[in-house]
Every structure is written in C-alpha cells, then in structure tokens.
Full PDB file with SEQRES, HELIX, SHEET, SSBOND, CRYST1, ORIGX, SCALE, CONECT and MASTER records, all heavy atoms in Angstrom:
SEQRES   1 A   35  ALA LEU ARG TYR LYS LEU PRO VAL ARG ARG ILE GLN LEU          
SEQRES   2 A   35  GLN PHE PHE GLY GLY VAL SER GLU ILE GLU LYS GLU SER          
SEQRES   3 A   35  GLU THR PRO GLY ARG GLU PHE VAL LEU                          
HELIX    1 AA1 PRO A   29  VAL A   34  1                                   6    
SHEET    1 AA1 2 VAL A   8  GLN A  14  0                                        
SHEET    2 AA1 2 GLY A  17  ILE A  22 -1                                        
CRYST1    1.000    1.000    1.000  90.00  90.00  90.00 P 1           1          
ORIGX1      1.000000  0.000000  0.000000        0.00000                         
ORIGX2      0.000000  1.000000  0.000000        0.00000                         
ORIGX3      0.000000  0.000000  1.000000        0.00000                         
SCALE1      1.000000  0.000000  0.000000        0.00000                         
SCALE2      0.000000  1.000000  0.000000        0.00000                         
SCALE3      0.000000  0.000000  1.000000        0.00000                         
ATOM      1  N   ALA A   1     -99.905 -74.661 -41.599  1.00  0.00           N  
ATOM      2  CA  ALA A   1    -100.940 -75.703 -41.448  1.00  0.00           C  
ATOM      3  C   ALA A   1    -100.345 -77.009 -40.958  1.00  0.00           C  
ATOM      4  O   ALA A   1    -100.869 -77.649 -40.049  1.00  0.00           O  
ATOM      5  CB  ALA A   1    -101.649 -75.901 -42.784  1.00  0.00           C  
ATOM      6  N   LEU A   2     -99.235 -77.418 -41.550  1.00  0.00           N  
ATOM      7  CA  LEU A   2     -98.583 -78.660 -41.131  1.00  0.00           C  
ATOM      8  C   LEU A   2     -98.073 -78.533 -39.694  1.00  0.00           C  
ATOM      9  O   LEU A   2     -98.094 -79.509 -38.929  1.00  0.00           O  
ATOM     10  CB  LEU A   2     -97.431 -78.992 -42.077  1.00  0.00           C  
ATOM     11  CG  LEU A   2     -97.836 -79.307 -43.526  1.00  0.00           C  
ATOM     12  CD1 LEU A   2     -96.596 -79.538 -44.373  1.00  0.00           C  
ATOM     13  CD2 LEU A   2     -98.745 -80.519 -43.579  1.00  0.00           C  
ATOM     14  N   ARG A   3     -97.633 -77.327 -39.342  1.00  0.00           N  
ATOM     15  CA  ARG A   3     -97.177 -77.106 -37.956  1.00  0.00           C  
ATOM     16  C   ARG A   3     -98.331 -77.290 -36.974  1.00  0.00           C  
ATOM     17  O   ARG A   3     -98.131 -77.783 -35.857  1.00  0.00           O  
ATOM     18  CB  ARG A   3     -96.612 -75.686 -37.839  1.00  0.00           C  
ATOM     19  CG  ARG A   3     -96.220 -75.266 -36.442  1.00  0.00           C  
ATOM     20  CD  ARG A   3     -95.025 -76.051 -35.935  1.00  0.00           C  
ATOM     21  NE  ARG A   3     -94.630 -75.614 -34.595  1.00  0.00           N  
ATOM     22  CZ  ARG A   3     -95.204 -76.004 -33.462  1.00  0.00           C  
ATOM     23  NH1 ARG A   3     -96.227 -76.857 -33.514  1.00  0.00           N  
ATOM     24  NH2 ARG A   3     -94.762 -75.574 -32.301  1.00  0.00           N  
ATOM     25  N   TYR A   4     -99.543 -76.933 -37.394  1.00  0.00           N  
ATOM     26  CA  TYR A   4    -100.724 -77.109 -36.565  1.00  0.00           C  
ATOM     27  C   TYR A   4    -101.387 -78.473 -36.765  1.00  0.00           C  
ATOM     28  O   TYR A   4    -102.502 -78.697 -36.300  1.00  0.00           O  
ATOM     29  CB  TYR A   4    -101.755 -76.006 -36.887  1.00  0.00           C  
ATOM     30  CG  TYR A   4    -101.347 -74.623 -36.443  1.00  0.00           C  
ATOM     31  CD1 TYR A   4    -101.833 -73.499 -37.101  1.00  0.00           C  
ATOM     32  CD2 TYR A   4    -100.483 -74.427 -35.363  1.00  0.00           C  
ATOM     33  CE1 TYR A   4    -101.480 -72.218 -36.691  1.00  0.00           C  
ATOM     34  CE2 TYR A   4    -100.121 -73.164 -34.960  1.00  0.00           C  
ATOM     35  CZ  TYR A   4    -100.608 -72.059 -35.623  1.00  0.00           C  
ATOM     36  OH  TYR A   4    -100.239 -70.792 -35.220  1.00  0.00           O  
ATOM     37  N   LYS A   5    -100.689 -79.366 -37.500  1.00  0.00           N  
ATOM     38  CA  LYS A   5    -101.189 -80.713 -37.752  1.00  0.00           C  
ATOM     39  C   LYS A   5    -102.503 -80.706 -38.540  1.00  0.00           C  
ATOM     40  O   LYS A   5    -103.396 -81.543 -38.315  1.00  0.00           O  
ATOM     41  CB  LYS A   5    -101.353 -81.505 -36.449  1.00  0.00           C  
ATOM     42  CG  LYS A   5    -100.046 -81.615 -35.650  1.00  0.00           C  
ATOM     43  CD  LYS A   5    -100.183 -82.538 -34.468  1.00  0.00           C  
ATOM     44  CE  LYS A   5     -98.892 -82.554 -33.621  1.00  0.00           C  
ATOM     45  NZ  LYS A   5     -97.711 -82.877 -34.411  1.00  0.00           N  
ATOM     46  N   LEU A   6    -102.599 -79.774 -39.488  1.00  0.00           N  
ATOM     47  CA  LEU A   6    -103.732 -79.724 -40.407  1.00  0.00           C  
ATOM     48  C   LEU A   6    -103.266 -80.275 -41.745  1.00  0.00           C  
ATOM     49  O   LEU A   6    -102.357 -79.708 -42.368  1.00  0.00           O  
ATOM     50  CB  LEU A   6    -104.245 -78.288 -40.576  1.00  0.00           C  
ATOM     51  CG  LEU A   6    -104.663 -77.553 -39.315  1.00  0.00           C  
ATOM     52  CD1 LEU A   6    -105.050 -76.114 -39.633  1.00  0.00           C  
ATOM     53  CD2 LEU A   6    -105.829 -78.272 -38.627  1.00  0.00           C  
ATOM     54  N   PRO A   7    -103.832 -81.370 -42.218  1.00  0.00           N  
ATOM     55  CA  PRO A   7    -103.360 -81.971 -43.479  1.00  0.00           C  
ATOM     56  C   PRO A   7    -103.624 -81.061 -44.670  1.00  0.00           C  
ATOM     57  O   PRO A   7    -104.668 -80.436 -44.767  1.00  0.00           O  
ATOM     58  CB  PRO A   7    -104.180 -83.266 -43.567  1.00  0.00           C  
ATOM     59  CG  PRO A   7    -105.379 -83.029 -42.712  1.00  0.00           C  
ATOM     60  CD  PRO A   7    -104.954 -82.116 -41.610  1.00  0.00           C  
ATOM     61  N   VAL A   8    -102.644 -81.020 -45.581  1.00  0.00           N  
ATOM     62  CA  VAL A   8    -102.763 -80.243 -46.806  1.00  0.00           C  
ATOM     63  C   VAL A   8    -102.784 -81.202 -47.973  1.00  0.00           C  
ATOM     64  O   VAL A   8    -101.836 -81.965 -48.179  1.00  0.00           O  
ATOM     65  CB  VAL A   8    -101.599 -79.236 -46.966  1.00  0.00           C  
ATOM     66  CG1 VAL A   8    -101.779 -78.397 -48.225  1.00  0.00           C  
ATOM     67  CG2 VAL A   8    -101.488 -78.354 -45.727  1.00  0.00           C  
ATOM     68  N   ARG A   9    -103.872 -81.199 -48.731  1.00  0.00           N  
ATOM     69  CA  ARG A   9    -104.014 -82.174 -49.825  1.00  0.00           C  
ATOM     70  C   ARG A   9    -103.160 -81.830 -51.012  1.00  0.00           C  
ATOM     71  O   ARG A   9    -102.541 -82.693 -51.641  1.00  0.00           O  
ATOM     72  CB  ARG A   9    -105.485 -82.285 -50.258  1.00  0.00           C  
ATOM     73  CG  ARG A   9    -105.753 -83.494 -51.130  1.00  0.00           C  
ATOM     74  CD  ARG A   9    -107.230 -83.776 -51.192  1.00  0.00           C  
ATOM     75  NE  ARG A   9    -107.905 -82.749 -51.981  1.00  0.00           N  
ATOM     76  CZ  ARG A   9    -108.120 -82.867 -53.286  1.00  0.00           C  
ATOM     77  NH1 ARG A   9    -107.715 -83.928 -53.940  1.00  0.00           N  
ATOM     78  NH2 ARG A   9    -108.736 -81.910 -53.933  1.00  0.00           N  
ATOM     79  N   ARG A  10    -103.082 -80.550 -51.353  1.00  0.00           N  
ATOM     80  CA  ARG A  10    -102.291 -80.139 -52.514  1.00  0.00           C  
ATOM     81  C   ARG A  10    -102.219 -78.628 -52.577  1.00  0.00           C  
ATOM     82  O   ARG A  10    -102.997 -77.917 -51.931  1.00  0.00           O  
ATOM     83  CB  ARG A  10    -102.872 -80.671 -53.820  1.00  0.00           C  
ATOM     84  CG  ARG A  10    -104.224 -80.045 -54.188  1.00  0.00           C  
ATOM     85  CD  ARG A  10    -104.730 -80.529 -55.524  1.00  0.00           C  
ATOM     86  NE  ARG A  10    -106.035 -79.931 -55.824  1.00  0.00           N  
ATOM     87  CZ  ARG A  10    -106.720 -80.155 -56.924  1.00  0.00           C  
ATOM     88  NH1 ARG A  10    -106.216 -80.971 -57.829  1.00  0.00           N  
ATOM     89  NH2 ARG A  10    -107.888 -79.593 -57.140  1.00  0.00           N  
ATOM     90  N   ILE A  11    -101.287 -78.126 -53.383  1.00  0.00           N  
ATOM     91  CA  ILE A  11    -101.220 -76.721 -53.771  1.00  0.00           C  
ATOM     92  C   ILE A  11    -101.400 -76.698 -55.277  1.00  0.00           C  
ATOM     93  O   ILE A  11    -100.779 -77.488 -55.993  1.00  0.00           O  
ATOM     94  CB  ILE A  11     -99.885 -76.083 -53.383  1.00  0.00           C  
ATOM     95  CG1 ILE A  11     -99.720 -76.047 -51.857  1.00  0.00           C  
ATOM     96  CG2 ILE A  11     -99.785 -74.657 -53.941  1.00  0.00           C  
ATOM     97  CD1 ILE A  11     -98.344 -75.565 -51.418  1.00  0.00           C  
ATOM     98  N   GLN A  12    -102.219 -75.793 -55.763  1.00  0.00           N  
ATOM     99  CA  GLN A  12    -102.437 -75.677 -57.209  1.00  0.00           C  
ATOM    100  C   GLN A  12    -102.229 -74.237 -57.660  1.00  0.00           C  
ATOM    101  O   GLN A  12    -102.826 -73.306 -57.078  1.00  0.00           O  
ATOM    102  CB  GLN A  12    -103.854 -76.138 -57.576  1.00  0.00           C  
ATOM    103  CG  GLN A  12    -104.072 -76.199 -59.094  1.00  0.00           C  
ATOM    104  CD  GLN A  12    -105.506 -76.576 -59.435  1.00  0.00           C  
ATOM    105  OE1 GLN A  12    -106.452 -75.946 -58.959  1.00  0.00           O  
ATOM    106  NE2 GLN A  12    -105.681 -77.586 -60.270  1.00  0.00           N  
ATOM    107  N   LEU A  13    -101.385 -74.056 -58.642  1.00  0.00           N  
ATOM    108  CA  LEU A  13    -101.217 -72.743 -59.279  1.00  0.00           C  
ATOM    109  C   LEU A  13    -102.139 -72.682 -60.467  1.00  0.00           C  
ATOM    110  O   LEU A  13    -102.131 -73.570 -61.333  1.00  0.00           O  
ATOM    111  CB  LEU A  13     -99.758 -72.555 -59.713  1.00  0.00           C  
ATOM    112  CG  LEU A  13     -98.706 -72.608 -58.595  1.00  0.00           C  
ATOM    113  CD1 LEU A  13     -97.316 -72.397 -59.172  1.00  0.00           C  
ATOM    114  CD2 LEU A  13     -99.016 -71.578 -57.518  1.00  0.00           C  
ATOM    115  N   GLN A  14    -102.938 -71.621 -60.539  1.00  0.00           N  
ATOM    116  CA  GLN A  14    -103.939 -71.528 -61.581  1.00  0.00           C  
ATOM    117  C   GLN A  14    -104.088 -70.088 -62.059  1.00  0.00           C  
ATOM    118  O   GLN A  14    -103.232 -69.247 -61.788  1.00  0.00           O  
ATOM    119  CB  GLN A  14    -105.276 -72.089 -61.079  1.00  0.00           C  
ATOM    120  CG  GLN A  14    -105.696 -71.504 -59.753  1.00  0.00           C  
ATOM    121  CD  GLN A  14    -106.934 -72.163 -59.192  1.00  0.00           C  
ATOM    122  OE1 GLN A  14    -107.871 -71.484 -58.802  1.00  0.00           O  
ATOM    123  NE2 GLN A  14    -106.955 -73.479 -59.136  1.00  0.00           N  
ATOM    124  N   PHE A  15    -105.189 -69.817 -62.764  1.00  0.00           N  
ATOM    125  CA  PHE A  15    -105.332 -68.533 -63.480  1.00  0.00           C  
ATOM    126  C   PHE A  15    -105.143 -67.337 -62.570  1.00  0.00           C  
ATOM    127  O   PHE A  15    -104.352 -66.452 -62.855  1.00  0.00           O  
ATOM    128  CB  PHE A  15    -106.705 -68.489 -64.148  1.00  0.00           C  
ATOM    129  CG  PHE A  15    -106.855 -67.334 -65.101  1.00  0.00           C  
ATOM    130  CD1 PHE A  15    -106.520 -67.490 -66.431  1.00  0.00           C  
ATOM    131  CD2 PHE A  15    -107.326 -66.105 -64.671  1.00  0.00           C  
ATOM    132  CE1 PHE A  15    -106.646 -66.415 -67.315  1.00  0.00           C  
ATOM    133  CE2 PHE A  15    -107.452 -65.048 -65.548  1.00  0.00           C  
ATOM    134  CZ  PHE A  15    -107.110 -65.209 -66.879  1.00  0.00           C  
ATOM    135  N   PHE A  16    -105.870 -67.283 -61.458  1.00  0.00           N  
ATOM    136  CA  PHE A  16    -105.841 -66.097 -60.602  1.00  0.00           C  
ATOM    137  C   PHE A  16    -105.025 -66.303 -59.349  1.00  0.00           C  
ATOM    138  O   PHE A  16    -105.347 -65.749 -58.310  1.00  0.00           O  
ATOM    139  CB  PHE A  16    -107.254 -65.639 -60.251  1.00  0.00           C  
ATOM    140  CG  PHE A  16    -107.804 -64.659 -61.251  1.00  0.00           C  
ATOM    141  CD1 PHE A  16    -108.727 -65.043 -62.182  1.00  0.00           C  
ATOM    142  CD2 PHE A  16    -107.389 -63.343 -61.247  1.00  0.00           C  
ATOM    143  CE1 PHE A  16    -109.236 -64.141 -63.102  1.00  0.00           C  
ATOM    144  CE2 PHE A  16    -107.884 -62.428 -62.152  1.00  0.00           C  
ATOM    145  CZ  PHE A  16    -108.815 -62.828 -63.090  1.00  0.00           C  
ATOM    146  N   GLY A  17    -103.967 -67.068 -59.410  1.00  0.00           N  
ATOM    147  CA  GLY A  17    -103.106 -67.212 -58.248  1.00  0.00           C  
ATOM    148  C   GLY A  17    -102.886 -68.649 -57.867  1.00  0.00           C  
ATOM    149  O   GLY A  17    -102.636 -69.499 -58.709  1.00  0.00           O  
ATOM    150  N   GLY A  18    -102.982 -68.940 -56.578  1.00  0.00           N  
ATOM    151  CA  GLY A  18    -102.729 -70.289 -56.090  1.00  0.00           C  
ATOM    152  C   GLY A  18    -103.780 -70.695 -55.079  1.00  0.00           C  
ATOM    153  O   GLY A  18    -104.459 -69.874 -54.475  1.00  0.00           O  
ATOM    154  N   VAL A  19    -103.903 -71.997 -54.894  1.00  0.00           N  
ATOM    155  CA  VAL A  19    -104.865 -72.568 -53.961  1.00  0.00           C  
ATOM    156  C   VAL A  19    -104.155 -73.577 -53.082  1.00  0.00           C  
ATOM    157  O   VAL A  19    -103.538 -74.518 -53.586  1.00  0.00           O  
ATOM    158  CB  VAL A  19    -106.040 -73.261 -54.671  1.00  0.00           C  
ATOM    159  CG1 VAL A  19    -106.971 -73.915 -53.668  1.00  0.00           C  
ATOM    160  CG2 VAL A  19    -106.810 -72.276 -55.527  1.00  0.00           C  
ATOM    161  N   SER A  20    -104.213 -73.386 -51.769  1.00  0.00           N  
ATOM    162  CA  SER A  20    -103.692 -74.363 -50.818  1.00  0.00           C  
ATOM    163  C   SER A  20    -104.881 -75.072 -50.207  1.00  0.00           C  
ATOM    164  O   SER A  20    -105.663 -74.458 -49.466  1.00  0.00           O  
ATOM    165  CB  SER A  20    -102.875 -73.677 -49.717  1.00  0.00           C  
ATOM    166  OG  SER A  20    -101.787 -72.971 -50.249  1.00  0.00           O  
ATOM    167  N   GLU A  21    -105.043 -76.357 -50.505  1.00  0.00           N  
ATOM    168  CA  GLU A  21    -106.204 -77.081 -50.035  1.00  0.00           C  
ATOM    169  C   GLU A  21    -105.900 -77.740 -48.695  1.00  0.00           C  
ATOM    170  O   GLU A  21    -105.345 -78.825 -48.620  1.00  0.00           O  
ATOM    171  CB  GLU A  21    -106.641 -78.107 -51.084  1.00  0.00           C  
ATOM    172  CG  GLU A  21    -107.087 -77.463 -52.366  1.00  0.00           C  
ATOM    173  CD  GLU A  21    -107.641 -78.443 -53.374  1.00  0.00           C  
ATOM    174  OE1 GLU A  21    -107.767 -79.631 -53.026  1.00  0.00           O  
ATOM    175  OE2 GLU A  21    -107.944 -78.023 -54.495  1.00  0.00           O  
ATOM    176  N   ILE A  22    -106.256 -77.028 -47.633  1.00  0.00           N  
ATOM    177  CA  ILE A  22    -106.059 -77.497 -46.268  1.00  0.00           C  
ATOM    178  C   ILE A  22    -107.337 -78.183 -45.839  1.00  0.00           C  
ATOM    179  O   ILE A  22    -108.418 -77.602 -45.921  1.00  0.00           O  
ATOM    180  CB  ILE A  22    -105.708 -76.324 -45.345  1.00  0.00           C  
ATOM    181  CG1 ILE A  22    -104.434 -75.628 -45.862  1.00  0.00           C  
ATOM    182  CG2 ILE A  22    -105.502 -76.802 -43.916  1.00  0.00           C  
ATOM    183  CD1 ILE A  22    -104.109 -74.325 -45.165  1.00  0.00           C  
ATOM    184  N   GLU A  23    -107.208 -79.425 -45.381  1.00  0.00           N  
ATOM    185  CA  GLU A  23    -108.385 -80.269 -45.286  1.00  0.00           C  
ATOM    186  C   GLU A  23    -109.127 -80.207 -43.958  1.00  0.00           C  
ATOM    187  O   GLU A  23    -110.137 -80.866 -43.779  1.00  0.00           O  
ATOM    188  CB  GLU A  23    -107.986 -81.726 -45.580  1.00  0.00           C  
ATOM    189  CG  GLU A  23    -107.500 -81.901 -47.013  1.00  0.00           C  
ATOM    190  CD  GLU A  23    -107.290 -83.343 -47.373  1.00  0.00           C  
ATOM    191  OE1 GLU A  23    -106.911 -84.121 -46.492  1.00  0.00           O  
ATOM    192  OE2 GLU A  23    -107.480 -83.682 -48.563  1.00  0.00           O  
ATOM    193  N   LYS A  24    -108.640 -79.419 -43.006  1.00  0.00           N  
ATOM    194  CA  LYS A  24    -109.350 -79.288 -41.753  1.00  0.00           C  
ATOM    195  C   LYS A  24    -109.326 -77.848 -41.278  1.00  0.00           C  
ATOM    196  O   LYS A  24    -108.467 -77.073 -41.698  1.00  0.00           O  
ATOM    197  CB  LYS A  24    -108.737 -80.195 -40.664  1.00  0.00           C  
ATOM    198  CG  LYS A  24    -109.002 -81.676 -40.884  1.00  0.00           C  
ATOM    199  CD  LYS A  24    -108.480 -82.498 -39.706  1.00  0.00           C  
ATOM    200  CE  LYS A  24    -108.789 -83.969 -39.907  1.00  0.00           C  
ATOM    201  NZ  LYS A  24    -108.283 -84.798 -38.774  1.00  0.00           N  
ATOM    202  N   GLU A  25    -110.275 -77.528 -40.422  1.00  0.00           N  
ATOM    203  CA  GLU A  25    -110.368 -76.176 -39.875  1.00  0.00           C  
ATOM    204  C   GLU A  25    -109.411 -75.992 -38.704  1.00  0.00           C  
ATOM    205  O   GLU A  25    -109.098 -76.943 -37.973  1.00  0.00           O  
ATOM    206  CB  GLU A  25    -111.795 -75.924 -39.392  1.00  0.00           C  
ATOM    207  CG  GLU A  25    -112.761 -75.603 -40.512  1.00  0.00           C  
ATOM    208  CD  GLU A  25    -112.464 -74.280 -41.175  1.00  0.00           C  
ATOM    209  OE1 GLU A  25    -112.434 -73.245 -40.482  1.00  0.00           O  
ATOM    210  OE2 GLU A  25    -112.236 -74.289 -42.382  1.00  0.00           O  
ATOM    211  N   SER A  26    -108.967 -74.775 -38.509  1.00  0.00           N  
ATOM    212  CA  SER A  26    -108.176 -74.466 -37.324  1.00  0.00           C  
ATOM    213  C   SER A  26    -109.003 -74.667 -36.067  1.00  0.00           C  
ATOM    214  O   SER A  26    -110.224 -74.426 -36.073  1.00  0.00           O  
ATOM    215  CB  SER A  26    -107.691 -73.005 -37.381  1.00  0.00           C  
ATOM    216  OG  SER A  26    -106.921 -72.774 -38.526  1.00  0.00           O  
ATOM    217  N   GLU A  27    -108.355 -75.095 -35.002  1.00  0.00           N  
ATOM    218  CA  GLU A  27    -109.081 -75.390 -33.780  1.00  0.00           C  
ATOM    219  C   GLU A  27    -109.391 -74.148 -32.940  1.00  0.00           C  
ATOM    220  O   GLU A  27    -110.306 -74.166 -32.122  1.00  0.00           O  
ATOM    221  CB  GLU A  27    -108.279 -76.381 -32.933  1.00  0.00           C  
ATOM    222  CG  GLU A  27    -108.100 -77.748 -33.612  1.00  0.00           C  
ATOM    223  CD  GLU A  27    -107.273 -78.678 -32.750  1.00  0.00           C  
ATOM    224  OE1 GLU A  27    -106.785 -78.239 -31.701  1.00  0.00           O  
ATOM    225  OE2 GLU A  27    -107.129 -79.850 -33.148  1.00  0.00           O  
ATOM    226  N   THR A  28    -108.604 -73.082 -33.135  1.00  0.00           N  
ATOM    227  CA  THR A  28    -108.807 -71.860 -32.351  1.00  0.00           C  
ATOM    228  C   THR A  28    -108.776 -70.647 -33.260  1.00  0.00           C  
ATOM    229  O   THR A  28    -108.166 -70.687 -34.352  1.00  0.00           O  
ATOM    230  CB  THR A  28    -107.706 -71.714 -31.282  1.00  0.00           C  
ATOM    231  OG1 THR A  28    -106.438 -71.511 -31.943  1.00  0.00           O  
ATOM    232  CG2 THR A  28    -107.623 -72.950 -30.409  1.00  0.00           C  
ATOM    233  N   PRO A  29    -109.389 -69.532 -32.843  1.00  0.00           N  
ATOM    234  CA  PRO A  29    -109.327 -68.321 -33.669  1.00  0.00           C  
ATOM    235  C   PRO A  29    -107.919 -67.783 -33.812  1.00  0.00           C  
ATOM    236  O   PRO A  29    -107.576 -67.207 -34.836  1.00  0.00           O  
ATOM    237  CB  PRO A  29    -110.234 -67.336 -32.921  1.00  0.00           C  
ATOM    238  CG  PRO A  29    -110.352 -67.869 -31.533  1.00  0.00           C  
ATOM    239  CD  PRO A  29    -110.230 -69.361 -31.656  1.00  0.00           C  
ATOM    240  N   GLY A  30    -107.081 -67.985 -32.787  1.00  0.00           N  
ATOM    241  CA  GLY A  30    -105.698 -67.521 -32.878  1.00  0.00           C  
ATOM    242  C   GLY A  30    -104.943 -68.230 -33.991  1.00  0.00           C  
ATOM    243  O   GLY A  30    -104.222 -67.610 -34.781  1.00  0.00           O  
ATOM    244  N   ARG A  31    -105.119 -69.534 -34.083  1.00  0.00           N  
ATOM    245  CA  ARG A  31    -104.457 -70.293 -35.148  1.00  0.00           C  
ATOM    246  C   ARG A  31    -105.019 -69.920 -36.522  1.00  0.00           C  
ATOM    247  O   ARG A  31    -104.271 -69.859 -37.496  1.00  0.00           O  
ATOM    248  CB  ARG A  31    -104.624 -71.793 -34.888  1.00  0.00           C  
ATOM    249  CG  ARG A  31    -103.806 -72.287 -33.707  1.00  0.00           C  
ATOM    250  CD  ARG A  31    -103.868 -73.798 -33.581  1.00  0.00           C  
ATOM    251  NE  ARG A  31    -102.960 -74.290 -32.555  1.00  0.00           N  
ATOM    252  CZ  ARG A  31    -102.681 -75.567 -32.330  1.00  0.00           C  
ATOM    253  NH1 ARG A  31    -103.285 -76.486 -33.094  1.00  0.00           N  
ATOM    254  NH2 ARG A  31    -101.850 -75.926 -31.378  1.00  0.00           N  
ATOM    255  N   GLU A  32    -106.320 -69.682 -36.563  1.00  0.00           N  
ATOM    256  CA  GLU A  32    -106.931 -69.263 -37.819  1.00  0.00           C  
ATOM    257  C   GLU A  32    -106.323 -67.934 -38.303  1.00  0.00           C  
ATOM    258  O   GLU A  32    -106.025 -67.762 -39.490  1.00  0.00           O  
ATOM    259  CB  GLU A  32    -108.450 -69.102 -37.620  1.00  0.00           C  
ATOM    260  CG  GLU A  32    -109.190 -68.490 -38.792  1.00  0.00           C  
ATOM    261  CD  GLU A  32    -109.531 -69.503 -39.863  1.00  0.00           C  
ATOM    262  OE1 GLU A  32    -108.976 -70.608 -39.858  1.00  0.00           O  
ATOM    263  OE2 GLU A  32    -110.339 -69.158 -40.749  1.00  0.00           O  
ATOM    264  N   PHE A  33    -106.138 -67.014 -37.367  1.00  0.00           N  
ATOM    265  CA  PHE A  33    -105.570 -65.714 -37.726  1.00  0.00           C  
ATOM    266  C   PHE A  33    -104.136 -65.858 -38.253  1.00  0.00           C  
ATOM    267  O   PHE A  33    -103.781 -65.300 -39.290  1.00  0.00           O  
ATOM    268  CB  PHE A  33    -105.592 -64.793 -36.508  1.00  0.00           C  
ATOM    269  CG  PHE A  33    -105.227 -63.359 -36.799  1.00  0.00           C  
ATOM    270  CD1 PHE A  33    -106.203 -62.435 -37.079  1.00  0.00           C  
ATOM    271  CD2 PHE A  33    -103.899 -62.953 -36.813  1.00  0.00           C  
ATOM    272  CE1 PHE A  33    -105.875 -61.111 -37.376  1.00  0.00           C  
ATOM    273  CE2 PHE A  33    -103.548 -61.644 -37.101  1.00  0.00           C  
ATOM    274  CZ  PHE A  33    -104.542 -60.726 -37.382  1.00  0.00           C  
ATOM    275  N   VAL A  34    -103.328 -66.625 -37.531  1.00  0.00           N  
ATOM    276  CA  VAL A  34    -101.935 -66.815 -37.940  1.00  0.00           C  
ATOM    277  C   VAL A  34    -101.861 -67.513 -39.289  1.00  0.00           C  
ATOM    278  O   VAL A  34    -101.098 -67.115 -40.181  1.00  0.00           O  
ATOM    279  CB  VAL A  34    -101.166 -67.618 -36.872  1.00  0.00           C  
ATOM    280  CG1 VAL A  34     -99.774 -67.983 -37.383  1.00  0.00           C  
ATOM    281  CG2 VAL A  34    -101.060 -66.814 -35.586  1.00  0.00           C  
ATOM    282  N   LEU A  35    -102.669 -68.538 -39.461  1.00  0.00           N  
ATOM    283  CA  LEU A  35    -102.665 -69.300 -40.713  1.00  0.00           C  
ATOM    284  C   LEU A  35    -103.019 -68.423 -41.906  1.00  0.00           C  
ATOM    285  O   LEU A  35    -102.454 -68.560 -42.997  1.00  0.00           O  
ATOM    286  CB  LEU A  35    -103.653 -70.459 -40.586  1.00  0.00           C  
ATOM    287  CG  LEU A  35    -103.738 -71.454 -41.747  1.00  0.00           C  
ATOM    288  CD1 LEU A  35    -102.379 -72.049 -42.046  1.00  0.00           C  
ATOM    289  CD2 LEU A  35    -104.740 -72.551 -41.435  1.00  0.00           C  
TER     290      LEU A  35                                                      
MASTER        0    0    0    1    2    0    0    6  289    1    0    3          
END                                                                             
C-alpha cells in the first residue's frame, strides 16, 4: 500500500486476526489484485 502511495492509518491485531486500515482505494484493478 505504501509503495502505491496509499496511506495506512494503523494495523490492529485482534480476536480473529489482524486489520490493516488502508485509507484509500487502489487506482487500478491490477494494483487491487496485487495488494
């Protein structure tokens, strides 16, 4: 996400795993797939 210049607000470890809060959408389907 950072490589694609998408800001990440935080990572949270919780009951059922982890959450990466990426604050913007990928600009292309290719980037979405890789991400």
